[in-house]
Each structure stands twice: as structure tokens, then as C-alpha cells.
Amino acid sequence: MFIDPKRIPSTGHPGLDAGHTRMALLMNLAYEKWTLKTNQDAVLDAMREFVRAVEEHFSEEIHIIRQAGYEKWAEHSAIHGEFHAKLTALIERLEAGADMDVDTFTLLDRLLYEHEFLDDQDFWEVLKGEPNPMKNGEPLIAWSDDFCIGHPEIDRQHMALVKLINRLHLAIRDKSVMDKDEVFAEVGDILRHTLWHFGFEENLMREHDIRSFESHKILHDHLIGDLEGVLIDLKEGSYDRLEDLLENYLKYWLLDHIVHVDKGLGLALAKLEKQKD
């Protein structure tokens, strides 16, 4: 299995969630055919089926979010267009005889995950029929351009993480907004996104042989351990550690990590990019 469907967060709409699962399973089917060294045509057929599923899902998603009253549906549709163009270009390269390798599936996984986690979260509250908690109080972390490290994809992932943390913080401040199962699911989303984001950073550091890799990874592992501990506490019915982690630790850990650690990564990556030129 290349993609675990459980990694994809719930949007709050059963139809869309089922579509996400279908896309993940179809990508897994194409990956299985490739690993079993099935002929190229059979793998391409599986890839084409995946793209058709994406097209159907995007069409359904726009219809649903328009009906739900999501005001930025047109902008979201434009993102779909960009995503679809990348998939189409990939299929065309493969049809023209380009080699298919694991990087092909890594790219598809990244495109799917980034869209479903980073883009779709903007309409989660609309689909769940809940008021956006961001409108009901000050966020725990107010995003600032000072937090940008100069790498567009990492900055985007940081902004998504901040949004998830703010959403959970403002929701648990009023216990009527979420029950414990929902809080558990939200923390699980934060953990999954953090794991994926840290993996993205670490792969970049390995790829470019960044010397601070080991110490950077230790910091990542430390935070992951804390988040996993919070999930254990939630299973046992405790909110106390969650609130403390959000207000007195995670906020400052994240901001300090971005400003004092990830900024150095951004500078190192920018230097390497400049040397290429």
C-alpha cells in the first residue's frame, strides 16, 4: 500500500470523504501493478482511472461546497484546474515513454495530500455546519510574514499547521463546540500533518546534504513524542495536557522552531539554489 486512506482527514461530508478514499485506493492499485512489474499499458490504465476519479471528485466537490454556501468556490475550482493540469502533464509524459518510478507515485501522493489537507481545510467548517471558530475570538497564533522562511512549500505547510492549531485552540476554549471524540480527531489531524511536514523537510535536508540534519530531526522527534502523548491522554479522558500543550508549549515551540531553526534551513536551501544559477 502506497497511501494509507486513514491519513486523509475527514471533511465532514461522507460523499467527499468516500471520494478521497477511492482516489487513494486507485493510486494504491496503480502502485501495486507497477511494483509487480505489470506491463506499462496496464499501469497506465490504472493511472488513467485514478485521474478520472479525481475529475469526478473535483466536479462533485465544487457542487457540494457551492450548495453549502462556500463563498470561495471559484478560487477553489481554479486550484482544481492547476492540480488537474499537473496530472494530465504527468500522464502525457508517461504515454510518451517516460520511465515510471517511485518518484511518480511520490509526486501523486504529495499533490493529493497537499490539496486535500492544505487547500480543502478552508471549507471544513462550512461542510460540518458549524460556525468558523476563527470568527469567534483571537487566534492562538497570529501568522506574520516574519515567520516565512523563503521556501514557498514549507511556508505553506507552516501556515496550514498554524491554522489547524488555531482551529483546535479556539474550539476547545468552548467545550460545547467539540466533544472529546472530535478533539481526538483534530489532534490526530495535527499529528498527521506534522509528521508529513517534518518528513518533507527531512527529505529536503537529506537530498541537499544539509549539515544540521541530525539536530533538526531530534527536535522534530521530540515534538512528535509530545503529540503522541497528548493522544494517549485524550484516550484516557484528559483535556488538561492538551490545553497546556497548545497554550504554553506548542505555540512557542512552533514559532521558535520556525524563526530559529527553519529560517536557517530556508537560508541554506536558498544558498544552494543560488549556486545552481
Protein backbone atom coordinates (compact mmCIF):
# COMPACT_ATOMS: atom_id res chain seq x y z
CA MET A 1 0.00 0.00 0.00
CA PHE A 2 1.44 3.35 -1.03
CA ILE A 3 -1.17 5.61 0.60
CA ASP A 4 -2.99 4.86 3.83
CA PRO A 5 -6.53 6.27 3.29
CA LYS A 6 -6.72 6.93 7.04
CA ARG A 7 -4.07 9.65 6.61
CA ILE A 8 -6.56 11.79 4.70
CA PRO A 9 -8.57 13.93 7.14
CA SER A 10 -12.36 13.99 7.21
CA THR A 11 -14.01 16.96 5.51
CA GLY A 12 -17.25 16.45 7.39
CA HIS A 13 -19.07 15.26 4.24
CA PRO A 14 -19.44 11.47 3.75
CA GLY A 15 -19.55 11.72 -0.05
CA LEU A 16 -16.34 13.72 -0.30
CA ASP A 17 -14.61 11.53 2.26
CA ALA A 18 -15.60 8.46 0.22
CA GLY A 19 -14.17 10.13 -2.88
CA HIS A 20 -10.86 10.72 -1.11
CA THR A 21 -10.72 7.08 -0.09
CA ARG A 22 -11.50 5.96 -3.64
CA MET A 23 -8.66 8.08 -5.06
CA ALA A 24 -6.21 6.67 -2.51
CA LEU A 25 -7.25 3.09 -3.30
CA LEU A 26 -6.92 3.64 -7.05
CA MET A 27 -3.46 5.10 -6.61
CA ASN A 28 -2.55 2.08 -4.50
CA LEU A 29 -3.81 -0.18 -7.29
CA ALA A 30 -1.59 1.56 -9.85
CA TYR A 31 1.37 1.34 -7.44
CA GLU A 32 0.75 -2.38 -6.88
CA LYS A 33 0.68 -3.01 -10.64
CA TRP A 34 3.95 -1.11 -11.01
CA THR A 35 5.71 -2.96 -8.16
CA LEU A 36 4.58 -6.30 -9.60
CA LYS A 37 6.19 -5.25 -12.91
CA THR A 38 2.90 -5.43 -14.76
CA ASN A 39 3.23 -4.18 -18.33
CA GLN A 40 3.32 -0.41 -18.84
CA ASP A 41 -0.08 -0.27 -20.55
CA ALA A 42 -1.82 -1.90 -17.58
CA VAL A 43 -0.17 0.54 -15.16
CA LEU A 44 -1.14 3.47 -17.39
CA ASP A 45 -4.73 2.25 -17.49
CA ALA A 46 -4.77 2.24 -13.69
CA MET A 47 -3.29 5.75 -13.65
CA ARG A 48 -5.94 6.95 -16.11
CA GLU A 49 -8.65 5.50 -13.87
CA PHE A 50 -7.15 7.44 -10.97
CA VAL A 51 -7.26 10.67 -12.99
CA ARG A 52 -10.91 10.02 -13.95
CA ALA A 53 -11.72 9.55 -10.26
CA VAL A 54 -10.00 12.86 -9.50
CA GLU A 55 -12.02 14.62 -12.20
CA GLU A 56 -15.31 13.21 -10.87
CA HIS A 57 -14.37 14.09 -7.31
CA PHE A 58 -13.44 17.66 -8.18
CA SER A 59 -16.74 18.16 -10.02
CA GLU A 60 -18.71 16.76 -7.08
CA GLU A 61 -16.72 18.78 -4.57
CA ILE A 62 -17.41 22.11 -6.28
CA HIS A 63 -21.12 21.30 -6.50
CA ILE A 64 -21.26 20.39 -2.79
CA ILE A 65 -19.34 23.40 -1.48
CA ARG A 66 -21.38 25.79 -3.66
CA GLN A 67 -24.58 24.30 -2.27
CA ALA A 68 -23.17 24.60 1.25
CA GLY A 69 -22.53 28.31 0.73
CA TYR A 70 -18.75 28.32 0.49
CA GLU A 71 -18.02 31.75 -0.97
CA LYS A 72 -14.58 30.97 -2.40
CA TRP A 73 -15.71 28.06 -4.56
CA ALA A 74 -14.46 29.72 -7.76
CA GLU A 75 -10.94 30.13 -6.34
CA HIS A 76 -11.06 26.51 -5.19
CA SER A 77 -12.14 25.43 -8.66
CA ALA A 78 -9.09 27.23 -10.07
CA ILE A 79 -6.87 25.19 -7.73
CA HIS A 80 -8.55 22.07 -9.07
CA GLY A 81 -7.65 23.22 -12.58
CA GLU A 82 -3.97 23.58 -11.64
CA PHE A 83 -3.97 20.17 -9.95
CA HIS A 84 -5.64 18.54 -12.96
CA ALA A 85 -3.15 20.17 -15.36
CA LYS A 86 -0.25 18.63 -13.42
CA LEU A 87 -1.88 15.20 -13.52
CA THR A 88 -2.59 15.49 -17.24
CA ALA A 89 1.01 16.54 -17.97
CA LEU A 90 2.29 13.59 -15.96
CA ILE A 91 0.11 11.10 -17.83
CA GLU A 92 1.16 12.60 -21.17
CA ARG A 93 4.84 12.17 -20.26
CA LEU A 94 4.26 8.56 -19.33
CA GLU A 95 2.30 7.92 -22.52
CA ALA A 96 5.22 9.42 -24.47
CA GLY A 97 7.51 6.77 -23.00
CA ALA A 98 8.92 8.44 -19.86
CA ASP A 99 10.06 5.96 -17.25
CA MET A 100 7.72 5.36 -14.35
CA ASP A 101 9.42 5.06 -10.98
CA VAL A 102 8.62 5.51 -7.32
CA ASP A 103 9.07 9.27 -7.69
CA THR A 104 5.99 9.26 -9.93
CA PHE A 105 3.88 7.93 -7.08
CA THR A 106 5.60 10.16 -4.53
CA LEU A 107 4.60 13.16 -6.65
CA LEU A 108 1.00 11.97 -6.89
CA ASP A 109 0.87 11.36 -3.14
CA ARG A 110 2.25 14.81 -2.48
CA LEU A 111 -0.20 16.50 -4.85
CA LEU A 112 -3.16 14.64 -3.36
CA TYR A 113 -2.12 15.18 0.25
CA GLU A 114 -1.32 18.86 -0.21
CA HIS A 115 -4.65 19.55 -1.85
CA GLU A 116 -6.85 17.55 0.49
CA PHE A 117 -5.07 18.76 3.63
CA LEU A 118 -3.81 22.24 2.79
CA ASP A 119 -6.49 23.51 0.42
CA ASP A 120 -9.67 21.70 1.45
CA GLN A 121 -9.45 22.59 5.14
CA ASP A 122 -10.75 26.08 4.28
CA PHE A 123 -14.28 24.73 3.83
CA TRP A 124 -14.36 22.09 6.56
CA GLU A 125 -16.45 24.23 8.92
CA VAL A 126 -18.95 25.02 6.16
CA LEU A 127 -19.49 21.32 5.43
CA LYS A 128 -19.79 20.44 9.09
CA GLY A 129 -22.48 23.07 9.52
CA GLU A 130 -20.55 24.76 12.31
CA PRO A 131 -19.54 28.37 12.72
CA ASN A 132 -15.93 29.02 11.93
CA PRO A 133 -14.26 29.26 15.36
CA MET A 134 -11.76 31.74 13.87
CA LYS A 135 -14.58 34.29 13.78
CA ASN A 136 -15.38 33.90 17.46
CA GLY A 137 -12.13 35.00 19.07
CA GLU A 138 -8.46 35.81 18.69
CA PRO A 139 -6.32 33.01 17.29
CA LEU A 140 -3.64 31.45 19.46
CA ILE A 141 -1.04 32.17 16.77
CA ALA A 142 -1.39 35.21 14.52
CA TRP A 143 0.50 34.44 11.31
CA SER A 144 3.06 37.02 10.29
CA ASP A 145 5.33 37.37 7.27
CA ASP A 146 8.16 37.28 9.79
CA PHE A 147 7.52 33.53 10.03
CA CYS A 148 8.19 32.95 6.33
CA ILE A 149 11.49 31.14 5.73
CA GLY A 150 11.65 31.83 1.99
CA HIS A 151 10.69 28.35 0.78
CA PRO A 152 7.11 28.59 -0.61
CA GLU A 153 6.11 24.99 0.06
CA ILE A 154 7.45 24.93 3.62
CA ASP A 155 5.83 28.29 4.34
CA ARG A 156 2.51 26.97 3.05
CA GLN A 157 2.79 23.89 5.24
CA HIS A 158 3.61 26.04 8.27
CA MET A 159 0.55 28.20 7.62
CA ALA A 160 -1.63 25.10 7.39
CA LEU A 161 -0.25 23.83 10.71
CA VAL A 162 -0.90 27.18 12.37
CA LYS A 163 -4.47 27.11 11.04
CA LEU A 164 -5.04 23.63 12.47
CA ILE A 165 -3.65 24.63 15.87
CA ASN A 166 -5.73 27.82 15.97
CA ARG A 167 -8.86 25.94 14.99
CA LEU A 168 -8.41 23.40 17.79
CA HIS A 169 -7.46 26.03 20.38
CA LEU A 170 -10.50 28.21 19.73
CA ALA A 171 -12.79 25.19 19.62
CA ILE A 172 -11.71 23.63 22.93
CA ARG A 173 -11.96 27.03 24.64
CA ASP A 174 -15.70 26.47 24.44
CA LYS A 175 -16.29 22.82 25.29
CA SER A 176 -19.73 22.99 23.61
CA VAL A 177 -18.08 23.27 20.20
CA MET A 178 -16.42 19.85 20.21
CA ASP A 179 -16.87 16.63 22.10
CA LYS A 180 -13.85 14.58 23.11
CA ASP A 181 -14.00 12.32 20.07
CA GLU A 182 -13.86 15.36 17.81
CA VAL A 183 -10.95 16.82 19.76
CA PHE A 184 -9.16 13.48 19.44
CA ALA A 185 -9.72 13.57 15.68
CA GLU A 186 -8.45 17.15 15.45
CA VAL A 187 -5.26 16.34 17.35
CA GLY A 188 -4.83 13.32 15.10
CA ASP A 189 -5.02 15.64 12.07
CA ILE A 190 -2.39 17.92 13.61
CA LEU A 191 -0.14 14.93 14.26
CA ARG A 192 -0.58 13.56 10.72
CA HIS A 193 0.12 16.91 9.13
CA THR A 194 3.14 17.45 11.39
CA LEU A 195 4.54 14.02 10.53
CA TRP A 196 4.09 14.66 6.82
CA HIS A 197 5.55 18.18 7.06
CA PHE A 198 8.57 17.04 9.06
CA GLY A 199 9.13 14.24 6.58
CA PHE A 200 9.05 16.76 3.75
CA GLU A 201 11.66 18.94 5.48
CA GLU A 202 13.87 15.98 6.36
CA ASN A 203 13.78 14.63 2.81
CA LEU A 204 14.87 18.05 1.53
CA MET A 205 17.71 18.13 4.03
CA ARG A 206 18.89 14.65 3.08
CA GLU A 207 18.59 15.43 -0.61
CA HIS A 208 20.73 18.55 -0.28
CA ASP A 209 23.05 17.15 2.42
CA ILE A 210 22.22 19.92 4.93
CA ARG A 211 24.72 19.58 7.79
CA SER A 212 22.20 20.37 10.54
CA PHE A 213 20.01 17.41 9.59
CA GLU A 214 20.64 15.29 12.70
CA SER A 215 19.98 18.04 15.25
CA HIS A 216 16.95 19.25 13.26
CA LYS A 217 15.46 15.76 13.24
CA ILE A 218 15.95 15.39 17.00
CA LEU A 219 13.79 18.49 17.52
CA HIS A 220 11.15 17.06 15.20
CA ASP A 221 11.12 13.72 17.01
CA HIS A 222 10.73 15.48 20.37
CA LEU A 223 7.56 17.29 19.27
CA ILE A 224 6.11 14.16 17.70
CA GLY A 225 6.60 12.36 21.02
CA ASP A 226 4.71 15.11 22.83
CA LEU A 227 1.80 15.00 20.37
CA GLU A 228 1.58 11.22 20.64
CA GLY A 229 1.49 11.61 24.42
CA VAL A 230 -1.43 14.02 24.11
CA LEU A 231 -3.37 11.46 22.09
CA ILE A 232 -2.79 8.89 24.84
CA ASP A 233 -4.07 11.38 27.43
CA LEU A 234 -7.16 12.08 25.34
CA LYS A 235 -7.94 8.37 25.13
CA GLU A 236 -7.89 8.35 28.93
CA GLY A 237 -10.29 11.30 29.03
CA SER A 238 -7.92 14.12 29.96
CA TYR A 239 -8.09 17.59 28.44
CA ASP A 240 -5.56 19.18 30.80
CA ARG A 241 -2.39 18.31 28.97
CA LEU A 242 -3.90 19.31 25.63
CA GLU A 243 -4.69 22.84 26.75
CA ASP A 244 -1.27 23.21 28.36
CA LEU A 245 0.45 21.90 25.24
CA LEU A 246 -1.41 24.31 22.97
CA GLU A 247 -1.17 27.46 25.09
CA ASN A 248 2.13 27.08 26.91
CA TYR A 249 4.24 24.87 24.71
CA LEU A 250 3.19 24.21 21.13
CA LYS A 251 2.68 27.88 20.32
CA TYR A 252 6.15 28.82 21.47
CA TRP A 253 7.79 25.65 20.18
CA LEU A 254 6.39 26.19 16.70
CA LEU A 255 7.25 29.88 16.50
CA ASP A 256 10.72 29.39 17.97
CA HIS A 257 11.36 26.43 15.66
CA ILE A 258 10.32 28.40 12.58
CA VAL A 259 12.26 31.54 13.50
CA HIS A 260 15.43 29.99 14.86
CA VAL A 261 15.69 26.60 13.12
CA ASP A 262 13.66 26.54 9.91
CA LYS A 263 14.87 30.01 8.90
CA GLY A 264 18.37 28.54 8.82
CA LEU A 265 17.08 25.73 6.61
CA GLY A 266 15.49 28.31 4.32
CA LEU A 267 18.75 30.22 4.02
CA ALA A 268 20.71 27.03 3.30
CA LEU A 269 18.25 25.99 0.58
CA ALA A 270 18.30 29.47 -0.95
CA LYS A 271 22.11 29.43 -0.99
CA LEU A 272 22.13 26.09 -2.78
CA GLU A 273 19.60 27.34 -5.31
CA LYS A 274 21.70 30.44 -5.95
CA GLN A 275 24.78 28.29 -6.56
CA LYS A 276 22.86 26.43 -9.30
CA ASP A 277 22.31 29.72 -11.10
